[in-house]
């Protein structure tokens, strides 16, 4: 873990203070710096959380002192830690907490899993399967309402892929989604309906209307233990930094607990969750609060808030991201209306414009170091809203928000 906690390019070639000795020296291998010249060295020295020298074996070994740990790489390679820029680990670590979930490559695999859960659970209990994206299935489509009815006739079933979902008949009934259903909370979304006006079971960006019970989280100690296990898995694959792109206040608190005990083994950059429903003034106040957070204004390399996450539309992988032109009829995304250009929240777009008016020019610019990022749920939505002339460097997925 010592190497995982270092910045590979932090101080290459800079000697440490006179009389000091590094904490760690690795030698006899290939140290890949990924600097401007992509230089590769035999050895490197580490002091605290900084790399202070990379060079030849003899040069670096000459720096060792009585407290220096020396590690012979025996020809192995050292690379910079990898960054996974979009994960949700506080939720992902609870996957399979009560039963194993098999790999699914086809609709038949999905239905077999649901049949198995129906056999294992009392009639009437919800069966929820999440994040098995249709683009990864062999048939590249949603399971139909009829197929879900056949697989679990006595259970409500929710097959959820991010903002969109396929439901069976019992799930639709329990959620109050029928012929007359309309989204009425000021957000985006709609229920697909057939030629006769009956819901097909497909929901677009409105799974918030589904009445499936929210799973009770484990106690904090067990949850923290599960998160530590997942972060250890990240480390084993070379991942040393992550971006949690929809971070709740509870998740930020959980990362803080691990940070305080020295158990946070990856650097975490958070995009704090902000809802897009309700009064615009309240949403603006929440954004200002995030901008004032010590985790945003301070400089903790292991835990910081870099911006917010707000959902503007649906998803690119599910056929509900907002597009300049209609998606067109698609058997993959179960789109039967050629006019559908998917979902977009006018309330959220108002927040975007508010952020844009108060933000500094540019995103991730050295001249605006305190600009932060507003993430949307899809890559195309901001391109369509902002247009090609946007000044924001990440216009396809982000907007700057004010620093205060």
Foldseek 3Di string as FASTA:
>chain_A
DLQLLAALVQAEPAADDPPDAAQEKEFQEWEQRPDPVRDIAGMWGHHDRYTHYGHYPVVNVVRHDPNHHYHYPNHYYHYHFDEAAEDALLVVLCPCVPHDDDDAAAPVSVLVVLLVVLVVDDFAAEAEAEQPFLCRHPVLAADWLVSSCVSHVRYWYWYYYFQKTFTHDVQCVVLVNFLPDDDDQLFKWDFDADPVSGGRRIIFRPCVSGPHDDDDDDPLVVSLVSSLVVVVVSVVVRHAEYEHEEAEPVNLVSCVVCVVVVSQRHAYEYAYEQELTDDLVVSVVVQVVLLPDCLQVPDDRRGHYQHHEYAFWGEPSQLAAAALAFPADDNSNNDDDRRDRHIGRPSVVVVLVVQQVQADFEDPDPVRVSWGKYFYRYQQNQCNVVDDPHRYPSSRTIDTGHSD
